[in-house]
Amino acid sequence: MSTVVKAGPAHAAGPAHPLAHRRPLGDRGFALLALIAGLLVLAILVGIAVSTAQQSANWFGSIGLKGFFSSTWTVSANTFGPMAFVYGTVISSVIALIIAVPLSIGVSLLLTEVLPRRWARPIVYVIDLLAVVPSVVWGLWGILVLVPWLQKIYGDISSGLNGIPVLDSLFGGPNTTGASFFTAGIILAIMITPIITSLSREVIATVPAIDKEGAYALGATRWEMIRGAVWPHSQGGVVGAILIGLGRAMGETIAAALVIGDSAEVTSHLFYSGFSMPAVIALEFGEASGEFRSALIGIGLLLFVITLVINLFARAIVDRSARKMRGA
């Protein structure tokens, strides 16, 4: 006759401490170091914001809300309305996006979905090299080569569109030099296209091969596969790359200062000379003092806040896209 032996309750094989309590000292030290580095970045950002706000408080207090929307910038009269510089920054950045976004997305899709790997690799190397070219090089090329070449083209376009509604207000009117909002937009587009292309290519390359093969198995063409499988998976990351490029365009200093001109005005004529926030700070800060210096620091604070918001918005879009894909 056999006997049944009842097993006792199971016991833990090791100590019941959390895994974090048993991590090696090196892991805990690295985690602490990473935490300190992250907090240091936040502390630096807060320090920059606080210090610039303190040094520009006089300007913010003197212009008030009404003066903030003024475009009158007269140093001799201590009148410092920032709207002309905000307008120049925004309009040149928008022009850059209109030119760069279709080109960047097209090149990204070409490199990931059309060209064989052995042909795409050299182009990827060139794009990555263009992304790290110093901005002063682009600015010098623009002022020495692009501006003289565009001056005659702007004149021909303006004379041809003169009198046509809407187009006349955008591209008509006399133009004396090639330095303008549109030229700055072209230079900024050249600068941000490699950045947007590189980031978009990395995002598109993460699309699972099984999704694309499934689309082909259902009889989809290459365009239908891109529209139905590639784009839904990567649209959040591509939008984030575009916004990062926008932040780079709005914060660009030397290249924009060399080709945008030096006219602080708000106008709809894109071939007219203008000014931007980084350009006015770079060109006039050395001679500024008192209220003038406070105004330039205040413009820098505005630019800092705008670019920070754009980058946070891009980060939120990328995270939202990642959550959607994980849910799918």
Protein backbone atom coordinates (compact mmCIF):
# COMPACT_ATOMS: atom_id res chain seq x y z
CA MET A 1 0.00 0.00 0.00
CA SER A 2 1.50 3.31 -1.12
CA THR A 3 1.43 6.44 0.95
CA VAL A 4 0.83 9.93 -0.32
CA VAL A 5 3.28 12.52 0.90
CA LYS A 6 1.94 16.06 0.94
CA ALA A 7 4.41 18.67 -0.16
CA GLY A 8 4.83 21.71 2.01
CA PRO A 9 4.39 25.24 0.82
CA ALA A 10 6.92 26.44 -1.71
CA HIS A 11 9.63 28.73 -0.50
CA ALA A 12 11.49 31.40 -2.41
CA ALA A 13 14.73 30.18 -3.91
CA GLY A 14 16.60 33.29 -2.79
CA PRO A 15 16.12 36.37 -0.69
CA ALA A 16 12.85 38.20 -1.29
CA HIS A 17 14.51 41.57 -1.69
CA PRO A 18 13.70 43.60 -4.83
CA LEU A 19 16.10 43.26 -7.71
CA ALA A 20 17.16 46.88 -7.28
CA HIS A 21 18.56 46.07 -3.82
CA ARG A 22 20.76 43.35 -5.28
CA ARG A 23 22.20 45.27 -8.22
CA PRO A 24 25.97 45.59 -8.36
CA LEU A 25 27.53 48.77 -7.12
CA GLY A 26 28.57 49.72 -10.66
CA ASP A 27 24.98 49.61 -11.91
CA ARG A 28 23.74 51.74 -9.04
CA GLY A 29 26.57 54.20 -9.58
CA PHE A 30 25.78 54.47 -13.29
CA ALA A 31 22.09 55.03 -12.56
CA LEU A 32 22.96 57.81 -10.12
CA LEU A 33 25.34 59.39 -12.63
CA ALA A 34 22.68 59.34 -15.36
CA LEU A 35 20.16 60.90 -12.97
CA ILE A 36 22.59 63.67 -12.05
CA ALA A 37 23.32 64.36 -15.74
CA GLY A 38 19.60 64.63 -16.54
CA LEU A 39 18.95 66.95 -13.63
CA LEU A 40 21.99 69.03 -14.60
CA VAL A 41 20.56 69.60 -18.07
CA LEU A 42 17.27 70.79 -16.57
CA ALA A 43 19.13 73.01 -14.12
CA ILE A 44 21.12 74.60 -16.96
CA LEU A 45 17.94 75.29 -18.95
CA VAL A 46 16.27 76.85 -15.92
CA GLY A 47 19.39 78.89 -15.22
CA ILE A 48 19.47 80.21 -18.78
CA ALA A 49 15.80 81.17 -18.63
CA VAL A 50 16.09 82.86 -15.23
CA SER A 51 19.25 84.81 -16.02
CA THR A 52 18.00 86.08 -19.38
CA ALA A 53 14.63 86.98 -17.85
CA GLN A 54 16.34 89.02 -15.15
CA GLN A 55 18.53 90.90 -17.62
CA SER A 56 15.63 91.64 -19.96
CA ALA A 57 13.09 92.56 -17.27
CA ASN A 58 13.54 96.30 -17.95
CA TRP A 59 12.65 95.87 -21.61
CA PHE A 60 9.61 93.69 -20.92
CA GLY A 61 8.41 96.19 -18.35
CA SER A 62 8.88 99.22 -20.60
CA ILE A 63 7.25 97.97 -23.82
CA GLY A 64 4.18 96.39 -22.22
CA LEU A 65 1.72 94.26 -24.14
CA LYS A 66 1.03 96.85 -26.83
CA GLY A 67 4.71 97.48 -27.49
CA PHE A 68 5.36 93.77 -27.79
CA PHE A 69 3.33 93.70 -31.03
CA SER A 70 5.10 96.78 -32.42
CA SER A 71 7.55 96.54 -35.32
CA THR A 72 9.18 99.90 -34.66
CA TRP A 73 12.86 99.45 -33.84
CA THR A 74 14.63 102.78 -33.35
CA VAL A 75 17.75 102.73 -31.19
CA SER A 76 18.06 106.53 -30.98
CA ALA A 77 14.52 106.84 -29.61
CA ASN A 78 14.81 103.81 -27.29
CA THR A 79 11.91 102.17 -29.14
CA PHE A 80 12.40 98.44 -29.41
CA GLY A 81 9.42 96.64 -30.91
CA PRO A 82 10.35 92.99 -31.61
CA MET A 83 7.60 91.99 -34.03
CA ALA A 84 9.62 92.64 -37.20
CA PHE A 85 12.29 90.18 -36.05
CA VAL A 86 9.75 87.59 -34.95
CA TYR A 87 8.06 87.92 -38.34
CA GLY A 88 11.36 87.55 -40.21
CA THR A 89 12.26 84.44 -38.22
CA VAL A 90 8.87 82.82 -38.75
CA ILE A 91 8.47 83.62 -42.44
CA SER A 92 11.99 82.48 -43.39
CA SER A 93 11.54 79.26 -41.40
CA VAL A 94 8.18 78.56 -43.05
CA ILE A 95 9.72 79.07 -46.50
CA ALA A 96 12.49 76.67 -45.51
CA LEU A 97 9.96 74.03 -44.44
CA ILE A 98 7.93 74.38 -47.64
CA ILE A 99 11.07 73.70 -49.67
CA ALA A 100 12.77 71.14 -47.43
CA VAL A 101 9.93 68.87 -46.26
CA PRO A 102 8.84 67.38 -49.63
CA LEU A 103 12.46 67.00 -50.70
CA SER A 104 13.51 65.37 -47.43
CA ILE A 105 10.62 62.89 -47.32
CA GLY A 106 11.13 62.03 -50.98
CA VAL A 107 14.84 61.36 -50.53
CA SER A 108 14.16 59.32 -47.37
CA LEU A 109 11.69 57.09 -49.20
CA LEU A 110 14.07 56.81 -52.13
CA LEU A 111 16.91 55.61 -49.91
CA THR A 112 14.84 53.16 -47.88
CA GLU A 113 12.24 51.80 -50.28
CA VAL A 114 13.49 52.26 -53.85
CA LEU A 115 17.27 52.17 -54.22
CA PRO A 116 19.28 49.01 -53.53
CA ARG A 117 21.40 49.17 -50.39
CA ARG A 118 24.72 49.35 -52.26
CA TRP A 119 23.54 52.42 -54.18
CA ALA A 120 21.86 54.09 -51.22
CA ARG A 121 24.84 53.83 -48.87
CA PRO A 122 27.05 56.45 -50.63
CA ILE A 123 24.13 58.91 -50.75
CA VAL A 124 23.52 58.37 -47.03
CA TYR A 125 27.18 59.19 -46.33
CA VAL A 126 26.92 62.43 -48.33
CA ILE A 127 23.70 63.47 -46.56
CA ASP A 128 25.24 62.81 -43.16
CA LEU A 129 28.25 64.93 -44.11
CA LEU A 130 26.03 67.79 -45.32
CA ALA A 131 24.21 67.76 -41.97
CA VAL A 132 27.41 68.73 -40.12
CA VAL A 133 28.65 71.48 -42.46
CA PRO A 134 29.12 74.66 -40.36
CA SER A 135 26.43 77.26 -40.85
CA VAL A 136 28.96 79.99 -41.63
CA VAL A 137 30.00 78.03 -44.74
CA TRP A 138 26.42 78.03 -46.02
CA GLY A 139 26.10 81.72 -45.18
CA LEU A 140 29.28 82.67 -47.05
CA TRP A 141 28.22 80.61 -50.07
CA GLY A 142 24.85 82.29 -49.96
CA ILE A 143 26.15 85.87 -49.80
CA LEU A 144 28.94 85.32 -52.36
CA VAL A 145 27.22 83.05 -54.89
CA LEU A 146 23.48 82.70 -54.30
CA VAL A 147 22.55 86.33 -53.59
CA PRO A 148 24.12 87.81 -56.77
CA TRP A 149 22.64 85.01 -58.85
CA LEU A 150 19.15 85.45 -57.40
CA GLN A 151 19.10 89.23 -57.69
CA LYS A 152 18.36 89.22 -61.43
CA ILE A 153 15.92 86.32 -61.08
CA TYR A 154 13.98 88.20 -58.39
CA GLY A 155 13.79 91.23 -60.66
CA ASP A 156 12.46 89.19 -63.59
CA ILE A 157 9.86 87.45 -61.42
CA SER A 158 8.74 90.74 -59.84
CA SER A 159 8.30 92.44 -63.21
CA GLY A 160 6.44 89.44 -64.61
CA LEU A 161 4.01 89.21 -61.69
CA ASN A 162 3.48 92.94 -61.30
CA GLY A 163 -0.23 93.76 -61.18
CA ILE A 164 -1.42 90.18 -60.59
CA PRO A 165 -3.53 89.97 -57.40
CA VAL A 166 -2.02 88.09 -54.46
CA LEU A 167 1.13 87.16 -56.39
CA ASP A 168 2.02 90.83 -56.74
CA SER A 169 1.86 91.30 -52.97
CA LEU A 170 4.09 88.24 -52.42
CA PHE A 171 6.65 88.47 -55.22
CA GLY A 172 6.07 91.85 -56.88
CA GLY A 173 7.53 95.26 -56.15
CA PRO A 174 11.03 96.57 -56.66
CA ASN A 175 13.94 94.66 -55.23
CA THR A 176 17.39 96.17 -54.90
CA THR A 177 19.42 93.22 -53.63
CA GLY A 178 19.16 89.46 -53.55
CA ALA A 179 19.27 89.42 -49.75
CA SER A 180 15.69 88.78 -48.68
CA PHE A 181 13.27 86.61 -46.72
CA PHE A 182 13.12 84.16 -49.59
CA THR A 183 16.91 83.87 -49.90
CA ALA A 184 17.16 83.19 -46.18
CA GLY A 185 14.47 80.53 -46.56
CA ILE A 186 16.43 78.86 -49.36
CA ILE A 187 19.63 78.78 -47.30
CA LEU A 188 17.79 77.45 -44.26
CA ALA A 189 16.10 74.80 -46.43
CA ILE A 190 19.51 73.65 -47.69
CA MET A 191 20.72 73.45 -44.10
CA ILE A 192 17.80 71.53 -42.60
CA THR A 193 17.14 69.15 -45.50
CA PRO A 194 20.00 66.77 -44.52
CA ILE A 195 18.82 66.81 -40.89
CA ILE A 196 15.19 66.01 -41.70
CA THR A 197 16.28 63.44 -44.28
CA SER A 198 18.58 61.60 -41.87
CA LEU A 199 16.02 61.47 -39.07
CA SER A 200 13.18 60.49 -41.41
CA ARG A 201 15.28 57.77 -43.01
CA GLU A 202 16.06 56.27 -39.60
CA VAL A 203 12.36 56.30 -38.70
CA ILE A 204 11.21 54.77 -42.00
CA ALA A 205 13.88 52.08 -41.74
CA THR A 206 12.24 50.80 -38.54
CA VAL A 207 9.07 49.72 -40.37
CA PRO A 208 8.81 45.92 -39.92
CA ALA A 209 9.55 44.01 -43.10
CA ILE A 210 6.56 41.76 -42.44
CA ASP A 211 4.21 44.74 -42.78
CA LYS A 212 5.62 45.65 -46.18
CA GLU A 213 5.67 42.05 -47.35
CA GLY A 214 2.07 41.64 -46.23
CA ALA A 215 1.05 44.66 -48.31
CA TYR A 216 2.82 43.24 -51.35
CA ALA A 217 1.16 39.87 -50.72
CA LEU A 218 -2.24 41.56 -50.89
CA GLY A 219 -1.40 42.89 -54.34
CA ALA A 220 -0.40 46.44 -53.37
CA THR A 221 1.87 48.47 -55.58
CA ARG A 222 4.97 50.12 -54.13
CA TRP A 223 3.13 53.42 -53.69
CA GLU A 224 0.19 51.67 -52.04
CA MET A 225 2.59 49.80 -49.76
CA ILE A 226 4.25 53.08 -48.72
CA ARG A 227 0.90 54.77 -48.15
CA GLY A 228 -0.69 51.87 -46.28
CA ALA A 229 2.21 50.28 -44.38
CA VAL A 230 5.21 52.61 -44.22
CA TRP A 231 3.58 55.98 -43.63
CA PRO A 232 1.18 55.01 -40.79
CA HIS A 233 4.09 53.43 -38.93
CA SER A 234 6.51 56.35 -39.37
CA GLN A 235 4.38 59.49 -39.65
CA GLY A 236 4.85 60.49 -36.02
CA GLY A 237 8.62 60.21 -36.24
CA VAL A 238 8.71 62.09 -39.55
CA VAL A 239 6.63 64.93 -38.10
CA GLY A 240 8.98 65.03 -35.14
CA ALA A 241 11.96 65.26 -37.52
CA ILE A 242 10.27 68.12 -39.35
CA LEU A 243 9.70 70.03 -36.12
CA ILE A 244 13.31 69.47 -35.07
CA GLY A 245 14.37 70.92 -38.42
CA LEU A 246 12.04 73.86 -37.80
CA GLY A 247 13.69 74.47 -34.45
CA ARG A 248 17.10 74.45 -36.15
CA ALA A 249 15.89 76.89 -38.82
CA MET A 250 14.43 79.33 -36.30
CA GLY A 251 17.58 79.30 -34.19
CA GLU A 252 20.06 79.70 -37.06
CA THR A 253 22.18 82.83 -36.66
CA ILE A 254 25.15 83.42 -38.96
CA ALA A 255 23.75 82.01 -42.20
CA ALA A 256 20.46 83.90 -41.80
CA ALA A 257 22.24 87.12 -40.80
CA LEU A 258 24.34 87.07 -43.98
CA VAL A 259 21.52 86.57 -46.51
CA ILE A 260 18.31 87.99 -45.03
CA GLY A 261 19.28 91.67 -45.20
CA ASP A 262 19.02 94.33 -42.53
CA SER A 263 15.55 95.86 -42.82
CA ALA A 264 13.38 95.64 -39.68
CA GLU A 265 9.92 95.72 -41.23
CA VAL A 266 6.84 93.54 -41.60
CA THR A 267 5.95 93.12 -45.26
CA SER A 268 4.26 90.54 -47.42
CA HIS A 269 6.90 90.90 -50.17
CA LEU A 270 9.11 87.84 -49.83
CA PHE A 271 11.82 89.33 -52.06
CA TYR A 272 12.35 92.27 -49.69
CA SER A 273 15.13 92.51 -47.16
CA GLY A 274 14.24 91.67 -43.59
CA PHE A 275 15.72 90.74 -40.25
CA SER A 276 15.45 87.78 -37.89
CA MET A 277 15.78 87.32 -34.15
CA PRO A 278 19.12 85.49 -34.17
CA ALA A 279 20.51 87.87 -36.79
CA VAL A 280 19.75 91.07 -34.89
CA ILE A 281 21.28 89.62 -31.72
CA ALA A 282 24.45 88.52 -33.49
CA LEU A 283 24.96 91.77 -35.41
CA GLU A 284 24.05 94.38 -32.81
CA PHE A 285 24.79 92.91 -29.39
CA GLY A 286 28.44 94.00 -29.42
CA GLU A 287 27.50 97.69 -29.50
CA ALA A 288 24.42 97.46 -27.27
CA SER A 289 24.07 98.90 -23.78
CA GLY A 290 21.33 99.83 -21.36
CA GLU A 291 17.79 99.47 -22.68
CA PHE A 292 19.12 98.38 -26.08
CA ARG A 293 21.04 95.50 -24.53
CA SER A 294 18.04 94.50 -22.43
CA ALA A 295 15.87 94.40 -25.57
CA LEU A 296 18.31 92.12 -27.40
CA ILE A 297 18.47 89.77 -24.40
CA GLY A 298 14.66 89.76 -24.30
CA ILE A 299 14.55 88.76 -27.98
CA GLY A 300 16.98 85.97 -27.17
CA LEU A 301 14.66 84.81 -24.39
CA LEU A 302 11.70 84.80 -26.79
CA LEU A 303 13.70 82.75 -29.28
CA PHE A 304 14.75 80.34 -26.53
CA VAL A 305 11.15 79.79 -25.46
CA ILE A 306 9.89 79.33 -29.03
CA THR A 307 12.55 76.76 -29.97
CA LEU A 308 12.07 74.94 -26.65
CA VAL A 309 8.33 74.68 -27.23
CA ILE A 310 8.88 73.39 -30.77
CA ASN A 311 11.29 70.70 -29.61
CA LEU A 312 8.99 69.64 -26.76
CA PHE A 313 6.12 69.44 -29.23
CA ALA A 314 8.25 67.27 -31.53
CA ARG A 315 9.16 64.98 -28.63
CA ALA A 316 5.48 64.63 -27.68
CA ILE A 317 4.53 63.69 -31.25
CA VAL A 318 7.27 61.05 -31.44
CA ASP A 319 6.25 59.55 -28.08
CA ARG A 320 2.58 59.51 -29.09
CA SER A 321 3.42 57.72 -32.34
CA ALA A 322 5.54 55.17 -30.45
CA ARG A 323 2.66 54.45 -28.03
CA LYS A 324 0.25 53.96 -30.92
CA MET A 325 2.56 51.52 -32.62
CA ARG A 326 3.10 49.57 -29.42
CA GLY A 327 -0.66 49.39 -28.96
CA ALA A 328 -1.11 48.18 -32.51
